PDB file of N, CA and C in Angstrom:
ATOM      1  N   MET A   1       0.715  -1.076   0.328  1.00  0.00           N
ATOM      2  CA  MET A   1      -0.125   0.064  -0.113  1.00  0.00           C
ATOM      3  C   MET A   1       0.976   1.320  -0.189  1.00  0.00           C
ATOM      4  N   ARG A   2       0.490   2.620  -0.791  1.00  0.00           N
ATOM      5  CA  ARG A   2       1.049   3.537  -0.668  1.00  0.00           C
ATOM      6  C   ARG A   2       0.501   4.860  -0.417  1.00  0.00           C
ATOM      7  N   ALA A   3       1.055   5.731   0.287  1.00  0.00           N
ATOM      8  CA  ALA A   3      -0.008   6.453   0.630  1.00  0.00           C
ATOM      9  C   ALA A   3       1.006   8.421   0.648  1.00  0.00           C
ATOM     10  N   LEU A   4       0.769   9.308   0.128  1.00  0.00           N
ATOM     11  CA  LEU A   4       1.301  10.560   0.287  1.00  0.00           C
ATOM     12  C   LEU A   4       0.970  11.179   1.472  1.00  0.00           C
ATOM     13  N   CYS A   5       1.768  11.812   1.925  1.00  0.00           N
ATOM     14  CA  CYS A   5       1.615  12.901   3.172  1.00  0.00           C
ATOM     15  C   CYS A   5       2.006  14.218   2.988  1.00  0.00           C
ATOM     16  N   LEU A   6       0.820  14.956   2.719  1.00  0.00           N
ATOM     17  CA  LEU A   6       1.403  16.314   2.871  1.00  0.00           C
ATOM     18  C   LEU A   6       1.368  16.725   4.179  1.00  0.00           C
ATOM     19  N   ILE A   7       2.943  17.601   4.354  1.00  0.00           N
ATOM     20  CA  ILE A   7       3.317  18.129   5.606  1.00  0.00           C
ATOM     21  C   ILE A   7       3.488  19.963   5.522  1.00  0.00           C
ATOM     22  N   THR A   8       2.909  20.432   6.449  1.00  0.00           N
ATOM     23  CA  THR A   8       3.176  22.451   6.487  1.00  0.00           C
ATOM     24  C   THR A   8       4.024  22.276   7.896  1.00  0.00           C
ATOM     25  N   VAL A   9       4.698  22.717   7.565  1.00  0.00           N
ATOM     26  CA  VAL A   9       5.554  23.082   8.753  1.00  0.00           C
ATOM     27  C   VAL A   9       6.146  24.574   8.723  1.00  0.00           C
ATOM     28  N   LYS A  10       6.508  25.142  10.121  1.00  0.00           N
ATOM     29  CA  LYS A  10       7.029  26.240  10.488  1.00  0.00           C
ATOM     30  C   LYS A  10       7.753  27.149   9.640  1.00  0.00           C
ATOM     31  N   PRO A  11       7.400  28.144   8.979  1.00  0.00           N
ATOM     32  CA  PRO A  11       8.362  29.003   8.416  1.00  0.00           C
ATOM     33  C   PRO A  11       9.442  29.000   8.774  1.00  0.00           C
ATOM     34  N   GLY A  12      10.785  28.997   7.760  1.00  0.00           N
ATOM     35  CA  GLY A  12      11.881  28.499   7.797  1.00  0.00           C
ATOM     36  C   GLY A  12      12.292  27.171   8.161  1.00  0.00           C
ATOM     37  N   LYS A  13      11.757  26.219   8.268  1.00  0.00           N
ATOM     38  CA  LYS A  13      12.060  24.933   9.208  1.00  0.00           C
ATOM     39  C   LYS A  13      11.939  23.739   8.409  1.00  0.00           C
ATOM     40  N   VAL A  14      11.809  24.210   7.162  1.00  0.00           N
ATOM     41  CA  VAL A  14      11.496  22.832   5.972  1.00  0.00           C
ATOM     42  C   VAL A  14      13.224  22.222   5.893  1.00  0.00           C
ATOM     43  N   ASP A  15      14.456  23.176   5.840  1.00  0.00           N
ATOM     44  CA  ASP A  15      15.378  22.096   5.956  1.00  0.00           C
ATOM     45  C   ASP A  15      15.695  21.468   6.878  1.00  0.00           C
ATOM     46  N   ALA A  16      15.464  21.797   8.226  1.00  0.00           N
ATOM     47  CA  ALA A  16      15.169  20.899   9.512  1.00  0.00           C
ATOM     48  C   ALA A  16      14.447  19.864   9.282  1.00  0.00           C
ATOM     49  N   VAL A  17      13.170  19.594   9.028  1.00  0.00           N
ATOM     50  CA  VAL A  17      12.481  19.124   9.338  1.00  0.00           C
ATOM     51  C   VAL A  17      12.821  18.054   8.104  1.00  0.00           C
ATOM     52  N   VAL A  18      13.346  18.174   6.803  1.00  0.00           N
ATOM     53  CA  VAL A  18      13.547  17.488   6.082  1.00  0.00           C
ATOM     54  C   VAL A  18      14.542  16.352   6.561  1.00  0.00           C
ATOM     55  N   ALA A  19      15.772  16.910   7.264  1.00  0.00           N
ATOM     56  CA  ALA A  19      16.954  16.526   7.568  1.00  0.00           C
ATOM     57  C   ALA A  19      16.392  15.157   8.640  1.00  0.00           C
ATOM     58  N   ILE A  20      14.721  15.691   9.489  1.00  0.00           N
ATOM     59  CA  ILE A  20      14.559  14.808  10.780  1.00  0.00           C
ATOM     60  C   ILE A  20      14.148  13.365   9.646  1.00  0.00           C
ATOM     61  N   LEU A  21      13.504  13.453   8.883  1.00  0.00           N
ATOM     62  CA  LEU A  21      12.635  12.742   8.104  1.00  0.00           C
ATOM     63  C   LEU A  21      13.386  12.069   7.258  1.00  0.00           C
ATOM     64  N   LYS A  22      14.665  12.378   6.345  1.00  0.00           N
ATOM     65  CA  LYS A  22      15.352  11.227   6.067  1.00  0.00           C
ATOM     66  C   LYS A  22      16.246  10.336   7.067  1.00  0.00           C
ATOM     67  N   LYS A  23      16.215  10.707   8.489  1.00  0.00           N
ATOM     68  CA  LYS A  23      16.757   9.692   9.354  1.00  0.00           C
ATOM     69  C   LYS A  23      15.598   8.792   9.734  1.00  0.00           C
ATOM     70  N   LYS A  24      14.248   8.903   9.408  1.00  0.00           N
ATOM     71  CA  LYS A  24      13.108   7.881   9.667  1.00  0.00           C
ATOM     72  C   LYS A  24      12.868   6.964   8.337  1.00  0.00           C
ATOM     73  N   ARG A  25      13.826   5.785   7.539  1.00  0.00           N
ATOM     74  CA  ARG A  25      13.461   5.603   6.619  1.00  0.00           C
ATOM     75  C   ARG A  25      13.117   4.373   6.364  1.00  0.00           C
ATOM     76  N   LYS A  26      12.339   4.335   7.372  1.00  0.00           N
ATOM     77  CA  LYS A  26      11.495   2.579   7.152  1.00  0.00           C
ATOM     78  C   LYS A  26      10.968   2.232   6.023  1.00  0.00           C
ATOM     79  N   ILE A  27       9.326   3.407   6.244  1.00  0.00           N
ATOM     80  CA  ILE A  27       8.791   3.088   5.151  1.00  0.00           C
ATOM     81  C   ILE A  27       8.781   3.981   4.308  1.00  0.00           C
ATOM     82  N   ILE A  28       9.822   5.045   4.490  1.00  0.00           N
ATOM     83  CA  ILE A  28       9.296   6.379   3.531  1.00  0.00           C
ATOM     84  C   ILE A  28      10.451   6.438   2.000  1.00  0.00           C
ATOM     85  N   LYS A  29       9.806   6.095   1.562  1.00  0.00           N
ATOM     86  CA  LYS A  29      10.411   6.057  -0.289  1.00  0.00           C
ATOM     87  C   LYS A  29      11.238   7.422  -0.750  1.00  0.00           C
ATOM     88  N   GLN A  30      10.288   8.442  -0.643  1.00  0.00           N
ATOM     89  CA  GLN A  30      10.764   9.739  -1.484  1.00  0.00           C
ATOM     90  C   GLN A  30      10.581  10.870  -0.425  1.00  0.00           C
ATOM     91  N   ILE A  31      11.319  11.871  -0.297  1.00  0.00           N
ATOM     92  CA  ILE A  31      10.648  13.263   0.633  1.00  0.00           C
ATOM     93  C   ILE A  31      10.999  14.547  -0.706  1.00  0.00           C
ATOM     94  N   MET A  32       9.970  15.143  -0.930  1.00  0.00           N
ATOM     95  CA  MET A  32      10.352  16.243  -1.722  1.00  0.00           C
ATOM     96  C   MET A  32       9.536  17.439  -1.301  1.00  0.00           C
ATOM     97  N   VAL A  33      10.547  18.588  -1.172  1.00  0.00           N
ATOM     98  CA  VAL A  33      10.174  20.040  -0.896  1.00  0.00           C
ATOM     99  C   VAL A  33       9.277  20.440  -2.213  1.00  0.00           C
ATOM    100  N   VAL A  34       7.837  20.642  -1.704  1.00  0.00           N
ATOM    101  CA  VAL A  34       6.805  21.277  -2.880  1.00  0.00           C
ATOM    102  C   VAL A  34       6.265  22.957  -3.065  1.00  0.00           C
ATOM    103  N   ALA A  35       5.916  22.801  -3.727  1.00  0.00           N
ATOM    104  CA  ALA A  35       5.403  24.570  -3.957  1.00  0.00           C
ATOM    105  C   ALA A  35       3.886  24.332  -3.550  1.00  0.00           C
ATOM    106  N   GLY A  36       3.047  25.536  -2.730  1.00  0.00           N
ATOM    107  CA  GLY A  36       1.997  24.659  -2.654  1.00  0.00           C
ATOM    108  C   GLY A  36       1.327  24.961  -1.085  1.00  0.00           C
ATOM    109  N   ARG A  37      -0.008  24.539  -0.957  1.00  0.00           N
ATOM    110  CA  ARG A  37      -0.227  24.283   0.057  1.00  0.00           C
ATOM    111  C   ARG A  37       0.323  23.634   1.225  1.00  0.00           C
ATOM    112  N   ALA A  38       1.150  22.548   0.830  1.00  0.00           N
ATOM    113  CA  ALA A  38       1.857  21.804   1.480  1.00  0.00           C
ATOM    114  C   ALA A  38       3.407  22.318   1.143  1.00  0.00           C
ATOM    115  N   ASP A  39       4.132  22.003   2.192  1.00  0.00           N
ATOM    116  CA  ASP A  39       5.815  22.308   2.097  1.00  0.00           C
ATOM    117  C   ASP A  39       6.848  20.919   1.793  1.00  0.00           C
ATOM    118  N   ILE A  40       6.039  19.888   2.223  1.00  0.00           N
ATOM    119  CA  ILE A  40       6.702  18.815   2.067  1.00  0.00           C
ATOM    120  C   ILE A  40       6.124  17.841   1.743  1.00  0.00           C
ATOM    121  N   SER A  41       6.000  16.919   0.981  1.00  0.00           N
ATOM    122  CA  SER A  41       5.451  15.769   0.177  1.00  0.00           C
ATOM    123  C   SER A  41       6.044  14.426   0.715  1.00  0.00           C
ATOM    124  N   VAL A  42       6.025  13.519   0.881  1.00  0.00           N
ATOM    125  CA  VAL A  42       6.780  12.112   1.519  1.00  0.00           C
ATOM    126  C   VAL A  42       5.780  11.050   1.043  1.00  0.00           C
ATOM    127  N   LEU A  43       6.372  10.606   0.186  1.00  0.00           N
ATOM    128  CA  LEU A  43       5.674   9.146  -0.276  1.00  0.00           C
ATOM    129  C   LEU A  43       5.885   7.846   0.660  1.00  0.00           C
ATOM    130  N   LEU A  44       5.135   7.100   0.748  1.00  0.00           N
ATOM    131  CA  LEU A  44       5.115   6.225   2.130  1.00  0.00           C
ATOM    132  C   LEU A  44       4.739   4.718   1.010  1.00  0.00           C
ATOM    133  N   GLN A  45       5.502   3.719   1.781  1.00  0.00           N
ATOM    134  CA  GLN A  45       5.092   2.143   1.371  1.00  0.00           C
ATOM    135  C   GLN A  45       5.086   1.497   2.692  1.00  0.00           C
ATOM    136  N   GLY A  46       4.164   0.774   3.008  1.00  0.00           N
ATOM    137  CA  GLY A  46       4.333  -0.256   3.763  1.00  0.00           C
ATOM    138  C   GLY A  46       2.446  -0.506   3.997  1.00  0.00           C
ATOM    139  N   ASN A  47       2.510  -1.499   5.159  1.00  0.00           N
ATOM    140  CA  ASN A  47       1.053  -1.655   5.374  1.00  0.00           C
ATOM    141  C   ASN A  47       0.239  -0.459   5.879  1.00  0.00           C
ATOM    142  N   ILE A  48      -1.082  -0.948   6.212  1.00  0.00           N
ATOM    143  CA  ILE A  48      -2.057   0.449   6.870  1.00  0.00           C
ATOM    144  C   ILE A  48      -1.347   0.670   7.704  1.00  0.00           C
ATOM    145  N   ASP A  49      -1.070  -0.134   8.986  1.00  0.00           N
ATOM    146  CA  ASP A  49      -0.463  -0.125  10.131  1.00  0.00           C
ATOM    147  C   ASP A  49       0.879   0.791  10.374  1.00  0.00           C
ATOM    148  N   GLU A  50       1.688   0.357   9.561  1.00  0.00           N
ATOM    149  CA  GLU A  50       3.241   1.334   9.513  1.00  0.00           C
ATOM    150  C   GLU A  50       2.891   2.502   9.095  1.00  0.00           C
ATOM    151  N   ILE A  51       2.183   2.893   8.040  1.00  0.00           N
ATOM    152  CA  ILE A  51       1.582   4.381   7.519  1.00  0.00           C
ATOM    153  C   ILE A  51       1.108   4.883   8.742  1.00  0.00           C
ATOM    154  N   ASN A  52       0.315   4.601   9.492  1.00  0.00           N
ATOM    155  CA  ASN A  52      -0.437   5.382  10.510  1.00  0.00           C
ATOM    156  C   ASN A  52       0.328   5.368  11.399  1.00  0.00           C
ATOM    157  N   ASN A  53       1.495   4.595  11.790  1.00  0.00           N
ATOM    158  CA  ASN A  53       2.136   4.745  12.908  1.00  0.00           C
ATOM    159  C   ASN A  53       3.245   5.956  12.509  1.00  0.00           C
ATOM    160  N   MET A  54       3.744   5.874  11.180  1.00  0.00           N
ATOM    161  CA  MET A  54       4.692   6.998  10.999  1.00  0.00           C
ATOM    162  C   MET A  54       4.240   8.168  10.664  1.00  0.00           C
ATOM    163  N   VAL A  55       2.986   8.417  10.388  1.00  0.00           N
ATOM    164  CA  VAL A  55       2.068   9.357  10.360  1.00  0.00           C
ATOM    165  C   VAL A  55       1.872  10.411  11.791  1.00  0.00           C
ATOM    166  N   ILE A  56       1.678   9.172  12.736  1.00  0.00           N
ATOM    167  CA  ILE A  56       1.543   9.479  13.981  1.00  0.00           C
ATOM    168  C   ILE A  56       3.513  10.081  14.545  1.00  0.00           C
ATOM    169  N   ASP A  57       4.162   9.427  14.265  1.00  0.00           N
ATOM    170  CA  ASP A  57       5.847   9.855  14.162  1.00  0.00           C
ATOM    171  C   ASP A  57       5.644  11.262  14.128  1.00  0.00           C
ATOM    172  N   PHE A  58       5.387  11.798  12.553  1.00  0.00           N
ATOM    173  CA  PHE A  58       5.029  12.864  11.687  1.00  0.00           C
ATOM    174  C   PHE A  58       4.644  13.901  12.933  1.00  0.00           C
ATOM    175  N   LYS A  59       3.969  13.722  13.744  1.00  0.00           N
ATOM    176  CA  LYS A  59       3.229  14.462  14.634  1.00  0.00           C
ATOM    177  C   LYS A  59       3.691  14.545  15.648  1.00  0.00           C
ATOM    178  N   LYS A  60       4.811  13.964  16.067  1.00  0.00           N
ATOM    179  CA  LYS A  60       6.171  14.431  16.879  1.00  0.00           C
ATOM    180  C   LYS A  60       6.893  15.590  16.915  1.00  0.00           C
ATOM    181  N   ILE A  61       7.085  15.851  15.406  1.00  0.00           N
ATOM    182  CA  ILE A  61       8.058  16.243  15.336  1.00  0.00           C
ATOM    183  C   ILE A  61       7.401  17.894  15.487  1.00  0.00           C
ATOM    184  N   LYS A  62       8.490  18.754  16.470  1.00  0.00           N
ATOM    185  CA  LYS A  62       7.833  20.107  16.858  1.00  0.00           C
ATOM    186  C   LYS A  62       7.268  20.986  15.781  1.00  0.00           C
ATOM    187  N   ASP A  63       8.122  21.187  14.513  1.00  0.00           N
ATOM    188  CA  ASP A  63       8.043  21.833  13.636  1.00  0.00           C
ATOM    189  C   ASP A  63       7.103  21.631  12.128  1.00  0.00           C
ATOM    190  N   ILE A  64       6.187  20.849  12.658  1.00  0.00           N
ATOM    191  CA  ILE A  64       5.168  20.676  11.892  1.00  0.00           C
ATOM    192  C   ILE A  64       4.033  21.111  12.501  1.00  0.00           C
ATOM    193  N   VAL A  65       3.422  21.927  11.074  1.00  0.00           N
ATOM    194  CA  VAL A  65       2.325  22.224  12.089  1.00  0.00           C
ATOM    195  C   VAL A  65       0.991  21.282  11.542  1.00  0.00           C
ATOM    196  N   THR A  66       0.725  20.730  10.471  1.00  0.00           N
ATOM    197  CA  THR A  66       0.250  20.163  10.068  1.00  0.00           C
ATOM    198  C   THR A  66       0.172  18.827   8.750  1.00  0.00           C
ATOM    199  N   THR A  67      -0.263  17.877   8.847  1.00  0.00           N
ATOM    200  CA  THR A  67      -0.077  16.852   7.676  1.00  0.00           C
ATOM    201  C   THR A  67      -1.554  16.586   7.351  1.00  0.00           C
ATOM    202  N   GLU A  68      -1.605  15.863   5.720  1.00  0.00           N
ATOM    203  CA  GLU A  68      -2.806  15.071   5.242  1.00  0.00           C
ATOM    204  C   GLU A  68      -2.191  13.943   4.628  1.00  0.00           C
ATOM    205  N   THR A  69      -2.541  12.928   5.149  1.00  0.00           N
ATOM    206  CA  THR A  69      -2.258  11.863   4.178  1.00  0.00           C
ATOM    207  C   THR A  69      -3.748  11.227   3.103  1.00  0.00           C
ATOM    208  N   LEU A  70      -2.880  10.886   1.880  1.00  0.00           N
ATOM    209  CA  LEU A  70      -3.962  10.699   0.621  1.00  0.00           C
ATOM    210  C   LEU A  70      -3.541   8.909   0.481  1.00  0.00           C
ATOM    211  N   ILE A  71      -4.357   8.342   0.982  1.00  0.00           N
ATOM    212  CA  ILE A  71      -3.954   6.775   1.099  1.00  0.00           C
ATOM    213  C   ILE A  71      -4.756   6.269  -0.364  1.00  0.00           C
ATOM    214  N   GLU A  72      -3.842   5.754  -1.511  1.00  0.00           N
ATOM    215  CA  GLU A  72      -3.808   4.990  -2.451  1.00  0.00           C
ATOM    216  C   GLU A  72      -4.865   4.101  -2.471  1.00  0.00           C
ATOM    217  N   VAL A  73      -5.961   3.736  -3.357  1.00  0.00           N
ATOM    218  CA  VAL A  73      -6.486   3.068  -3.210  1.00  0.00           C
ATOM    219  C   VAL A  73      -6.875   2.448  -4.836  1.00  0.00           C
ATOM    220  N   GLU A  74      -7.370   1.099  -4.938  1.00  0.00           N
ATOM    221  CA  GLU A  74      -7.540   0.775  -6.227  1.00  0.00           C
ATOM    222  C   GLU A  74      -9.050   0.852  -6.533  1.00  0.00           C
ATOM    223  N   VAL A  75      -9.451   1.083  -8.022  1.00  0.00           N
ATOM    224  CA  VAL A  75     -10.829   1.246  -8.153  1.00  0.00           C
ATOM    225  C   VAL A  75     -10.969   0.710  -9.832  1.00  0.00           C
ATOM    226  N   ASN A  76     -11.961  -0.170  -9.350  1.00  0.00           N
ATOM    227  CA  ASN A  76     -12.280  -0.917 -10.705  1.00  0.00           C
ATOM    228  C   ASN A  76     -13.633  -0.213 -11.435  1.00  0.00           C
ATOM    229  N   MET A  77     -13.065   0.475 -12.382  1.00  0.00           N
ATOM    230  CA  MET A  77     -13.933   1.405 -13.242  1.00  0.00           C
ATOM    231  C   MET A  77     -14.887   0.655 -13.960  1.00  0.00           C
ATOM    232  N   GLY A  78     -14.647  -0.693 -14.471  1.00  0.00           N
ATOM    233  CA  GLY A  78     -15.470  -2.231 -15.304  1.00  0.00           C
ATOM    234  C   GLY A  78     -15.375  -1.762 -16.640  1.00  0.00           C
ATOM    235  N   TRP A  79     -14.094  -1.211 -17.101  1.00  0.00           N
ATOM    236  CA  TRP A  79     -14.157  -1.166 -18.247  1.00  0.00           C
ATOM    237  C   TRP A  79     -13.508  -1.748 -19.306  1.00  0.00           C
TER     238      TRP A  79
END
């Protein structure tokens, strides 16, 4: 299962948060600094419990303001 976690951080703290995230490589597949509503996008791959625990871990990082997690789903369109 894959998920995309959008992370908003305190102003000027993107580099510090990225450095912390790079140390948590267990299920993190990619970290991207992005423009838009979020500051950082993290691609996660694991089972639902691993993804849930990683997002809970993210919330313990003091410079993270908000997270939004988008979980990949399979849809059969019947085509």
